[in-house]
Amino acid sequence: MVIMSSVRKISRKDLNKEKLGFFLAGFVEGEGSFNVSLRRKADYKVNWQVVMSFNVSQKDPSMLYLLKQELDCGIIKVRKIDNLHSFDVTNPKDIIQKVIPYFQRFPVLSDSKKKNFSIFCEIAKLMEKGEHKNLIGLRKILDFREKLNEGKGRTRKYSITDIFPIQESPETICRPQVS
């Protein structure tokens, strides 16, 4: 004889804002990423653009739409090759005013995700002050970035040595060369 237990169906409509926030934080814990990338820009003073991004990818986009609605920012894209959906926030103002406060209110719990979020917040503070527009600040940001998402599987188009080939201290970066 097989005993069947009933499964209680939980509707998202029944979730209050606080429960939904912690639910989404748990979802991001497993599927989300806080990143910082670089783009070569000849017209920038430091020749590099620092791009902060928060993203989550899924085959089924329903959770991504819920996250987009809750954060009130970002875009959802579909990768044609495999139909993978991605929710991305790259606007610095949205990251600073919406994404970071949301995950400060509804924190991620694992040590690695907490560490990455903390580093992401430090980089955001530097960028908010305009530090990404000078070499000393850019170096500080890249030093933080080196500790972001450490481990197997991390790939980067540009590394810190592409921007600063000789490991210099931030104090010597802008010192003029004496001939």
N, C-alpha and C. Protein backbone atom coordinates (compact mmCIF):
# COMPACT_ATOMS: atom_id res chain seq x y z
N MET A 1 0.84 -1.17 0.00
CA MET A 1 0.00 0.00 0.00
C MET A 1 0.89 1.24 0.00
N VAL A 2 0.62 2.17 -0.89
CA VAL A 2 1.38 3.41 -1.00
C VAL A 2 0.60 4.53 -0.33
N ILE A 3 1.28 5.20 0.56
CA ILE A 3 0.65 6.34 1.25
C ILE A 3 1.12 7.61 0.56
N MET A 4 0.16 8.37 0.11
CA MET A 4 0.48 9.62 -0.56
C MET A 4 0.30 10.77 0.42
N SER A 5 1.28 11.59 0.49
CA SER A 5 1.12 12.78 1.33
C SER A 5 0.71 13.94 0.44
N SER A 6 -0.06 14.81 0.98
CA SER A 6 -0.52 15.94 0.18
C SER A 6 0.60 16.98 0.08
N VAL A 7 0.67 17.61 -1.04
CA VAL A 7 1.64 18.65 -1.27
C VAL A 7 0.89 19.97 -1.27
N ARG A 8 1.34 20.85 -0.42
CA ARG A 8 0.70 22.15 -0.31
C ARG A 8 1.26 23.06 -1.40
N LYS A 9 0.40 23.59 -2.17
CA LYS A 9 0.80 24.49 -3.24
C LYS A 9 0.88 25.90 -2.68
N ILE A 10 2.03 26.54 -2.91
CA ILE A 10 2.23 27.90 -2.43
C ILE A 10 2.20 28.83 -3.64
N SER A 11 1.35 29.79 -3.58
CA SER A 11 1.23 30.76 -4.65
C SER A 11 2.10 31.96 -4.34
N ARG A 12 2.75 32.53 -5.36
CA ARG A 12 3.54 33.74 -5.15
C ARG A 12 2.65 34.89 -4.70
N LYS A 13 1.36 34.81 -5.03
CA LYS A 13 0.43 35.86 -4.61
C LYS A 13 0.32 35.90 -3.08
N ASP A 14 0.58 34.76 -2.45
CA ASP A 14 0.49 34.68 -0.99
C ASP A 14 1.74 35.21 -0.29
N LEU A 15 2.79 35.44 -1.04
CA LEU A 15 4.03 35.91 -0.44
C LEU A 15 3.95 37.41 -0.17
N ASN A 16 4.20 37.81 1.07
CA ASN A 16 4.27 39.24 1.33
C ASN A 16 5.65 39.72 0.87
N LYS A 17 5.85 41.03 0.85
CA LYS A 17 7.10 41.61 0.33
C LYS A 17 8.34 41.07 1.05
N GLU A 18 8.24 40.89 2.37
CA GLU A 18 9.40 40.40 3.12
C GLU A 18 9.72 38.95 2.76
N LYS A 19 8.71 38.11 2.73
CA LYS A 19 8.93 36.71 2.37
C LYS A 19 9.45 36.60 0.93
N LEU A 20 8.88 37.41 0.05
CA LEU A 20 9.33 37.41 -1.34
C LEU A 20 10.79 37.84 -1.43
N GLY A 21 11.17 38.85 -0.67
CA GLY A 21 12.55 39.33 -0.66
C GLY A 21 13.53 38.25 -0.25
N PHE A 22 13.21 37.53 0.83
CA PHE A 22 14.10 36.46 1.28
C PHE A 22 14.09 35.29 0.30
N PHE A 23 12.95 35.02 -0.30
CA PHE A 23 12.85 33.98 -1.33
C PHE A 23 13.75 34.32 -2.51
N LEU A 24 13.66 35.56 -3.01
CA LEU A 24 14.48 35.97 -4.14
C LEU A 24 15.97 36.01 -3.78
N ALA A 25 16.29 36.39 -2.56
CA ALA A 25 17.70 36.36 -2.12
C ALA A 25 18.22 34.92 -2.15
N GLY A 26 17.40 33.98 -1.75
CA GLY A 26 17.80 32.57 -1.83
C GLY A 26 17.98 32.11 -3.26
N PHE A 27 17.12 32.58 -4.13
CA PHE A 27 17.23 32.25 -5.55
C PHE A 27 18.53 32.82 -6.12
N VAL A 28 18.82 34.07 -5.80
CA VAL A 28 20.05 34.71 -6.26
C VAL A 28 21.27 34.04 -5.64
N GLU A 29 21.13 33.57 -4.43
CA GLU A 29 22.22 32.84 -3.77
C GLU A 29 22.73 31.72 -4.66
N GLY A 30 21.81 31.00 -5.27
CA GLY A 30 22.20 29.87 -6.10
C GLY A 30 22.43 30.20 -7.55
N GLU A 31 21.73 31.19 -8.06
CA GLU A 31 21.75 31.43 -9.52
C GLU A 31 22.30 32.79 -9.93
N GLY A 32 22.54 33.69 -8.99
CA GLY A 32 22.95 35.05 -9.34
C GLY A 32 24.44 35.28 -9.26
N SER A 33 24.85 36.42 -9.81
CA SER A 33 26.26 36.76 -9.82
C SER A 33 26.44 38.27 -9.77
N PHE A 34 27.41 38.70 -8.97
CA PHE A 34 27.81 40.10 -8.89
C PHE A 34 29.17 40.18 -9.59
N ASN A 35 29.26 40.98 -10.65
CA ASN A 35 30.46 41.00 -11.48
C ASN A 35 30.95 42.41 -11.76
N VAL A 36 32.22 42.50 -12.15
CA VAL A 36 32.81 43.73 -12.63
C VAL A 36 33.65 43.37 -13.84
N SER A 37 33.35 44.00 -14.98
CA SER A 37 34.12 43.73 -16.19
C SER A 37 34.75 45.02 -16.70
N LEU A 38 35.60 44.87 -17.68
CA LEU A 38 36.31 46.01 -18.27
C LEU A 38 36.09 46.06 -19.76
N ARG A 39 36.01 47.29 -20.27
CA ARG A 39 35.94 47.51 -21.71
C ARG A 39 37.01 48.52 -22.08
N ARG A 40 37.77 48.19 -23.11
CA ARG A 40 38.78 49.13 -23.59
C ARG A 40 38.08 50.30 -24.26
N LYS A 41 38.40 51.53 -23.83
CA LYS A 41 37.76 52.73 -24.37
C LYS A 41 38.83 53.80 -24.59
N ALA A 42 39.23 53.99 -25.84
CA ALA A 42 40.28 54.95 -26.17
C ALA A 42 39.90 56.38 -25.81
N ASP A 43 38.60 56.69 -25.81
CA ASP A 43 38.16 58.06 -25.52
C ASP A 43 37.99 58.33 -24.02
N TYR A 44 38.26 57.35 -23.16
CA TYR A 44 38.19 57.55 -21.71
C TYR A 44 39.57 58.00 -21.21
N LYS A 45 39.57 58.82 -20.18
CA LYS A 45 40.81 59.35 -19.62
C LYS A 45 41.79 58.24 -19.24
N VAL A 46 41.26 57.16 -18.67
CA VAL A 46 42.13 56.04 -18.25
C VAL A 46 42.13 54.90 -19.28
N ASN A 47 41.46 55.11 -20.41
CA ASN A 47 41.38 54.13 -21.51
C ASN A 47 40.57 52.88 -21.20
N TRP A 48 39.90 52.86 -20.07
CA TRP A 48 39.11 51.69 -19.66
C TRP A 48 37.79 52.12 -19.05
N GLN A 49 36.74 51.36 -19.36
CA GLN A 49 35.44 51.55 -18.73
C GLN A 49 35.23 50.39 -17.76
N VAL A 50 34.86 50.71 -16.53
CA VAL A 50 34.55 49.70 -15.53
C VAL A 50 33.04 49.50 -15.57
N VAL A 51 32.60 48.24 -15.75
CA VAL A 51 31.17 47.93 -15.85
C VAL A 51 30.78 46.98 -14.73
N MET A 52 29.97 47.49 -13.81
CA MET A 52 29.43 46.63 -12.75
C MET A 52 28.18 45.95 -13.30
N SER A 53 27.99 44.69 -12.93
CA SER A 53 26.77 44.01 -13.38
C SER A 53 26.29 43.02 -12.33
N PHE A 54 24.98 42.93 -12.26
CA PHE A 54 24.31 41.92 -11.46
C PHE A 54 23.50 41.12 -12.46
N ASN A 55 23.65 39.79 -12.45
CA ASN A 55 22.88 38.99 -13.41
C ASN A 55 22.47 37.65 -12.85
N VAL A 56 21.40 37.14 -13.44
CA VAL A 56 20.86 35.82 -13.11
C VAL A 56 20.42 35.20 -14.43
N SER A 57 20.78 33.93 -14.67
CA SER A 57 20.39 33.24 -15.90
C SER A 57 19.57 32.00 -15.59
N GLN A 58 18.59 31.74 -16.44
CA GLN A 58 17.70 30.59 -16.28
C GLN A 58 17.11 30.20 -17.63
N LYS A 59 16.78 28.92 -17.79
CA LYS A 59 16.04 28.48 -18.99
C LYS A 59 14.61 29.03 -18.95
N ASP A 60 13.98 28.95 -17.79
CA ASP A 60 12.62 29.44 -17.61
C ASP A 60 12.69 30.88 -17.10
N PRO A 61 12.15 31.85 -17.83
CA PRO A 61 12.30 33.25 -17.44
C PRO A 61 11.36 33.75 -16.34
N SER A 62 10.44 32.93 -15.86
CA SER A 62 9.41 33.44 -14.94
C SER A 62 10.01 34.06 -13.67
N MET A 63 11.03 33.45 -13.09
CA MET A 63 11.66 34.02 -11.89
C MET A 63 12.40 35.31 -12.22
N LEU A 64 12.94 35.37 -13.43
CA LEU A 64 13.68 36.57 -13.84
C LEU A 64 12.73 37.76 -13.95
N TYR A 65 11.53 37.52 -14.48
CA TYR A 65 10.55 38.60 -14.57
C TYR A 65 10.11 39.05 -13.18
N LEU A 66 9.99 38.12 -12.27
CA LEU A 66 9.63 38.47 -10.90
C LEU A 66 10.74 39.32 -10.26
N LEU A 67 11.97 38.93 -10.47
CA LEU A 67 13.11 39.67 -9.94
C LEU A 67 13.19 41.08 -10.57
N LYS A 68 12.98 41.16 -11.86
CA LYS A 68 12.98 42.45 -12.57
C LYS A 68 11.89 43.36 -12.02
N GLN A 69 10.72 42.80 -11.79
CA GLN A 69 9.60 43.58 -11.24
C GLN A 69 9.93 44.05 -9.83
N GLU A 70 10.49 43.19 -9.03
CA GLU A 70 10.79 43.53 -7.64
C GLU A 70 11.88 44.59 -7.54
N LEU A 71 12.92 44.49 -8.38
CA LEU A 71 14.02 45.46 -8.34
C LEU A 71 13.71 46.73 -9.14
N ASP A 72 12.72 46.64 -10.02
CA ASP A 72 12.30 47.78 -10.83
C ASP A 72 13.45 48.35 -11.67
N CYS A 73 14.21 47.44 -12.28
CA CYS A 73 15.30 47.85 -13.16
C CYS A 73 15.79 46.63 -13.94
N GLY A 74 16.73 46.87 -14.83
CA GLY A 74 17.36 45.79 -15.57
C GLY A 74 16.63 45.39 -16.83
N ILE A 75 17.24 44.46 -17.56
CA ILE A 75 16.66 43.94 -18.80
C ILE A 75 16.73 42.41 -18.78
N ILE A 76 15.87 41.80 -19.56
CA ILE A 76 15.90 40.35 -19.73
C ILE A 76 16.21 40.08 -21.20
N LYS A 77 17.25 39.29 -21.42
CA LYS A 77 17.69 38.94 -22.77
C LYS A 77 17.56 37.43 -22.95
N VAL A 78 17.52 37.01 -24.21
CA VAL A 78 17.50 35.57 -24.53
C VAL A 78 18.67 35.28 -25.45
N ARG A 79 19.48 34.30 -25.06
CA ARG A 79 20.59 33.87 -25.90
C ARG A 79 20.04 32.88 -26.93
N LYS A 80 20.16 33.22 -28.20
CA LYS A 80 19.53 32.42 -29.25
C LYS A 80 20.10 31.02 -29.38
N ILE A 81 21.37 30.84 -29.11
CA ILE A 81 22.02 29.54 -29.32
C ILE A 81 21.42 28.43 -28.45
N ASP A 82 21.02 28.77 -27.22
CA ASP A 82 20.49 27.74 -26.31
C ASP A 82 19.21 28.17 -25.58
N ASN A 83 18.64 29.31 -25.98
CA ASN A 83 17.39 29.81 -25.39
C ASN A 83 17.51 30.08 -23.89
N LEU A 84 18.70 30.44 -23.44
CA LEU A 84 18.92 30.77 -22.04
C LEU A 84 18.53 32.24 -21.81
N HIS A 85 17.73 32.48 -20.80
CA HIS A 85 17.28 33.83 -20.45
C HIS A 85 18.21 34.41 -19.39
N SER A 86 18.46 35.70 -19.49
CA SER A 86 19.36 36.36 -18.54
C SER A 86 18.76 37.69 -18.11
N PHE A 87 18.72 37.91 -16.81
CA PHE A 87 18.31 39.18 -16.24
C PHE A 87 19.59 39.92 -15.89
N ASP A 88 19.77 41.12 -16.43
CA ASP A 88 21.01 41.87 -16.23
C ASP A 88 20.73 43.30 -15.80
N VAL A 89 21.50 43.75 -14.80
CA VAL A 89 21.47 45.15 -14.38
C VAL A 89 22.90 45.66 -14.50
N THR A 90 23.12 46.66 -15.37
CA THR A 90 24.45 47.24 -15.54
C THR A 90 24.47 48.75 -15.33
N ASN A 91 23.31 49.35 -15.20
CA ASN A 91 23.25 50.79 -14.97
C ASN A 91 23.79 51.08 -13.56
N PRO A 92 24.89 51.86 -13.45
CA PRO A 92 25.48 52.09 -12.12
C PRO A 92 24.49 52.68 -11.11
N LYS A 93 23.65 53.59 -11.57
CA LYS A 93 22.66 54.21 -10.66
C LYS A 93 21.69 53.15 -10.13
N ASP A 94 21.22 52.25 -11.00
CA ASP A 94 20.31 51.19 -10.56
C ASP A 94 21.00 50.22 -9.60
N ILE A 95 22.26 49.93 -9.86
CA ILE A 95 23.00 49.03 -8.98
C ILE A 95 23.14 49.66 -7.60
N ILE A 96 23.51 50.94 -7.57
CA ILE A 96 23.75 51.63 -6.29
C ILE A 96 22.44 51.92 -5.55
N GLN A 97 21.39 52.31 -6.27
CA GLN A 97 20.16 52.73 -5.61
C GLN A 97 19.12 51.62 -5.44
N LYS A 98 19.24 50.52 -6.21
CA LYS A 98 18.21 49.48 -6.15
C LYS A 98 18.76 48.11 -5.79
N VAL A 99 19.75 47.63 -6.53
CA VAL A 99 20.25 46.26 -6.32
C VAL A 99 20.94 46.13 -4.97
N ILE A 100 21.90 46.99 -4.69
CA ILE A 100 22.65 46.89 -3.42
C ILE A 100 21.73 47.05 -2.21
N PRO A 101 20.88 48.09 -2.15
CA PRO A 101 19.97 48.19 -0.99
C PRO A 101 19.05 46.97 -0.83
N TYR A 102 18.62 46.39 -1.94
CA TYR A 102 17.73 45.22 -1.87
C TYR A 102 18.43 44.06 -1.17
N PHE A 103 19.68 43.80 -1.58
CA PHE A 103 20.39 42.67 -0.98
C PHE A 103 21.04 43.01 0.36
N GLN A 104 21.03 44.27 0.73
CA GLN A 104 21.37 44.63 2.11
C GLN A 104 20.17 44.35 3.01
N ARG A 105 18.98 44.57 2.48
CA ARG A 105 17.76 44.28 3.24
C ARG A 105 17.47 42.79 3.30
N PHE A 106 17.71 42.10 2.17
CA PHE A 106 17.48 40.66 2.07
C PHE A 106 18.81 39.98 1.71
N PRO A 107 19.66 39.76 2.70
CA PRO A 107 21.02 39.31 2.40
C PRO A 107 21.13 37.86 1.92
N VAL A 108 22.17 37.64 1.13
CA VAL A 108 22.55 36.28 0.77
C VAL A 108 23.25 35.68 1.99
N LEU A 109 23.30 34.36 2.08
CA LEU A 109 23.76 33.74 3.32
C LEU A 109 25.10 33.01 3.26
N SER A 110 25.44 32.47 2.11
CA SER A 110 26.69 31.70 2.06
C SER A 110 27.90 32.62 2.19
N ASP A 111 28.97 32.09 2.75
CA ASP A 111 30.17 32.89 2.93
C ASP A 111 30.71 33.42 1.61
N SER A 112 30.72 32.59 0.58
CA SER A 112 31.29 33.04 -0.70
C SER A 112 30.43 34.12 -1.34
N LYS A 113 29.12 33.98 -1.31
CA LYS A 113 28.25 34.99 -1.93
C LYS A 113 28.27 36.28 -1.10
N LYS A 114 28.34 36.15 0.24
CA LYS A 114 28.45 37.34 1.10
C LYS A 114 29.74 38.10 0.78
N LYS A 115 30.83 37.35 0.62
CA LYS A 115 32.13 37.95 0.30
C LYS A 115 32.05 38.70 -1.04
N ASN A 116 31.48 38.04 -2.05
CA ASN A 116 31.38 38.67 -3.36
C ASN A 116 30.50 39.91 -3.32
N PHE A 117 29.40 39.84 -2.59
CA PHE A 117 28.51 41.00 -2.48
C PHE A 117 29.22 42.15 -1.76
N SER A 118 29.97 41.85 -0.72
CA SER A 118 30.71 42.86 0.02
C SER A 118 31.74 43.56 -0.87
N ILE A 119 32.47 42.79 -1.65
CA ILE A 119 33.46 43.34 -2.58
C ILE A 119 32.75 44.21 -3.63
N PHE A 120 31.65 43.71 -4.14
CA PHE A 120 30.84 44.43 -5.12
C PHE A 120 30.42 45.79 -4.55
N CYS A 121 30.01 45.82 -3.30
CA CYS A 121 29.60 47.07 -2.64
C CYS A 121 30.78 48.03 -2.50
N GLU A 122 31.96 47.52 -2.17
CA GLU A 122 33.15 48.37 -2.05
C GLU A 122 33.50 49.00 -3.40
N ILE A 123 33.40 48.22 -4.46
CA ILE A 123 33.67 48.74 -5.80
C ILE A 123 32.64 49.80 -6.17
N ALA A 124 31.38 49.56 -5.82
CA ALA A 124 30.31 50.53 -6.10
C ALA A 124 30.59 51.85 -5.38
N LYS A 125 31.06 51.79 -4.13
CA LYS A 125 31.38 53.02 -3.39
C LYS A 125 32.48 53.80 -4.10
N LEU A 126 33.50 53.10 -4.57
CA LEU A 126 34.59 53.77 -5.28
C LEU A 126 34.09 54.40 -6.59
N MET A 127 33.25 53.67 -7.30
CA MET A 127 32.72 54.19 -8.56
C MET A 127 31.79 55.38 -8.31
N GLU A 128 31.02 55.32 -7.25
CA GLU A 128 30.11 56.43 -6.93
C GLU A 128 30.89 57.71 -6.67
N LYS A 129 32.11 57.56 -6.13
CA LYS A 129 32.98 58.72 -5.88
C LYS A 129 33.75 59.14 -7.14
N GLY A 130 33.60 58.38 -8.23
CA GLY A 130 34.30 58.72 -9.47
C GLY A 130 35.71 58.17 -9.54
N GLU A 131 36.05 57.26 -8.65
CA GLU A 131 37.41 56.72 -8.59
C GLU A 131 37.81 55.93 -9.84
N HIS A 132 36.84 55.45 -10.59
CA HIS A 132 37.15 54.69 -11.80
C HIS A 132 37.66 55.60 -12.92
N LYS A 133 37.65 56.91 -12.70
CA LYS A 133 38.06 57.86 -13.72
C LYS A 133 39.51 58.31 -13.58
N ASN A 134 40.22 57.76 -12.59
CA ASN A 134 41.64 58.06 -12.45
C ASN A 134 42.41 56.76 -12.21
N LEU A 135 43.70 56.77 -12.51
CA LEU A 135 44.48 55.53 -12.45
C LEU A 135 44.60 54.96 -11.04
N ILE A 136 44.72 55.82 -10.05
CA ILE A 136 44.84 55.32 -8.67
C ILE A 136 43.55 54.61 -8.26
N GLY A 137 42.41 55.25 -8.55
CA GLY A 137 41.12 54.64 -8.23
C GLY A 137 40.87 53.38 -9.03
N LEU A 138 41.21 53.42 -10.32
CA LEU A 138 41.05 52.24 -11.16
C LEU A 138 41.86 51.07 -10.60
N ARG A 139 43.06 51.34 -10.15
CA ARG A 139 43.89 50.28 -9.56
C ARG A 139 43.24 49.71 -8.30
N LYS A 140 42.66 50.57 -7.46
CA LYS A 140 41.96 50.10 -6.25
C LYS A 140 40.80 49.18 -6.64
N ILE A 141 40.03 49.61 -7.64
CA ILE A 141 38.89 48.82 -8.11
C ILE A 141 39.36 47.46 -8.62
N LEU A 142 40.43 47.46 -9.39
CA LEU A 142 40.94 46.20 -9.96
C LEU A 142 41.52 45.28 -8.88
N ASP A 143 42.11 45.88 -7.84
CA ASP A 143 42.59 45.05 -6.72
C ASP A 143 41.41 44.34 -6.05
N PHE A 144 40.30 45.07 -5.85
CA PHE A 144 39.09 44.44 -5.30
C PHE A 144 38.57 43.37 -6.26
N ARG A 145 38.54 43.71 -7.54
CA ARG A 145 37.99 42.80 -8.56
C ARG A 145 38.75 41.47 -8.59
N GLU A 146 40.04 41.51 -8.30
CA GLU A 146 40.82 40.26 -8.29
C GLU A 146 40.30 39.26 -7.26
N LYS A 147 39.64 39.76 -6.22
CA LYS A 147 39.11 38.89 -5.16
C LYS A 147 37.65 38.49 -5.40
N LEU A 148 37.04 39.04 -6.45
CA LEU A 148 35.63 38.81 -6.75
C LEU A 148 35.46 37.52 -7.55
N ASN A 149 34.56 36.66 -7.10
CA ASN A 149 34.25 35.39 -7.79
C ASN A 149 35.48 34.53 -8.03
N GLU A 150 36.30 34.41 -7.00
CA GLU A 150 37.51 33.59 -7.11
C GLU A 150 37.15 32.13 -7.28
N GLY A 151 38.03 31.42 -7.91
CA GLY A 151 37.85 29.97 -8.00
C GLY A 151 37.70 29.46 -9.41
N LYS A 152 37.41 28.19 -9.46
CA LYS A 152 37.27 27.47 -10.72
C LYS A 152 36.15 28.06 -11.58
N GLY A 153 36.41 28.18 -12.86
CA GLY A 153 35.37 28.62 -13.77
C GLY A 153 35.34 30.12 -14.04
N ARG A 154 36.10 30.90 -13.27
CA ARG A 154 36.12 32.34 -13.48
C ARG A 154 36.96 32.65 -14.71
N THR A 155 36.36 33.37 -15.65
CA THR A 155 37.12 33.80 -16.83
C THR A 155 36.95 35.30 -16.99
N ARG A 156 38.00 35.94 -17.45
CA ARG A 156 37.98 37.37 -17.67
C ARG A 156 38.68 37.69 -18.98
N LYS A 157 38.09 38.60 -19.72
CA LYS A 157 38.71 39.01 -20.98
C LYS A 157 39.98 39.82 -20.70
N TYR A 158 39.91 40.70 -19.68
CA TYR A 158 41.06 41.52 -19.32
C TYR A 158 41.39 41.32 -17.85
N SER A 159 42.66 41.20 -17.56
CA SER A 159 43.09 41.06 -16.17
C SER A 159 43.78 42.35 -15.72
N ILE A 160 44.12 42.40 -14.47
CA ILE A 160 44.77 43.59 -13.92
C ILE A 160 46.11 43.85 -14.63
N THR A 161 46.80 42.80 -15.06
CA THR A 161 48.09 42.98 -15.73
C THR A 161 47.93 43.52 -17.16
N ASP A 162 46.74 43.45 -17.73
CA ASP A 162 46.50 44.09 -19.03
C ASP A 162 46.46 45.61 -18.89
N ILE A 163 46.07 46.09 -17.74
CA ILE A 163 45.95 47.52 -17.50
C ILE A 163 47.21 48.06 -16.83
N PHE A 164 47.72 47.30 -15.87
CA PHE A 164 48.92 47.67 -15.13
C PHE A 164 49.93 46.53 -15.26
N PRO A 165 50.71 46.51 -16.36
CA PRO A 165 51.62 45.38 -16.62
C PRO A 165 52.65 45.15 -15.52
N ILE A 166 53.15 46.21 -14.91
CA ILE A 166 54.10 46.06 -13.81
C ILE A 166 53.32 46.28 -12.53
N GLN A 167 53.44 45.37 -11.59
CA GLN A 167 52.72 45.49 -10.33
C GLN A 167 53.27 46.68 -9.54
N GLU A 168 52.61 47.82 -9.70
CA GLU A 168 53.03 49.04 -9.02
C GLU A 168 52.06 49.35 -7.89
N SER A 169 52.54 50.09 -6.92
CA SER A 169 51.64 50.55 -5.86
C SER A 169 50.83 51.71 -6.40
N PRO A 170 49.63 51.92 -5.90
CA PRO A 170 48.79 53.03 -6.39
C PRO A 170 49.49 54.39 -6.29
N GLU A 171 50.39 54.57 -5.32
CA GLU A 171 51.05 55.86 -5.13
C GLU A 171 52.02 56.16 -6.27
N THR A 172 52.58 55.13 -6.93
CA THR A 172 53.57 55.37 -7.98
C THR A 172 52.97 55.37 -9.37
N ILE A 173 51.72 55.03 -9.51
CA ILE A 173 51.09 54.91 -10.83
C ILE A 173 51.16 56.23 -11.59
N CYS A 174 50.84 57.33 -10.96
CA CYS A 174 50.73 58.61 -11.66
C CYS A 174 52.00 59.46 -11.53
N ARG A 175 53.04 58.93 -10.92
CA ARG A 175 54.28 59.68 -10.78
C ARG A 175 54.93 59.83 -12.15
N PRO A 176 55.28 61.06 -12.55
CA PRO A 176 55.90 61.24 -13.87
C PRO A 176 57.27 60.56 -13.94
N GLN A 177 57.59 60.06 -15.11
CA GLN A 177 58.88 59.43 -15.33
C GLN A 177 59.96 60.51 -15.44
N VAL A 178 61.09 60.30 -14.78
CA VAL A 178 62.20 61.25 -14.82
C VAL A 178 63.18 60.75 -15.87
N SER A 179 63.57 61.64 -16.81
CA SER A 179 64.50 61.23 -17.86
C SER A 179 65.92 61.63 -17.50
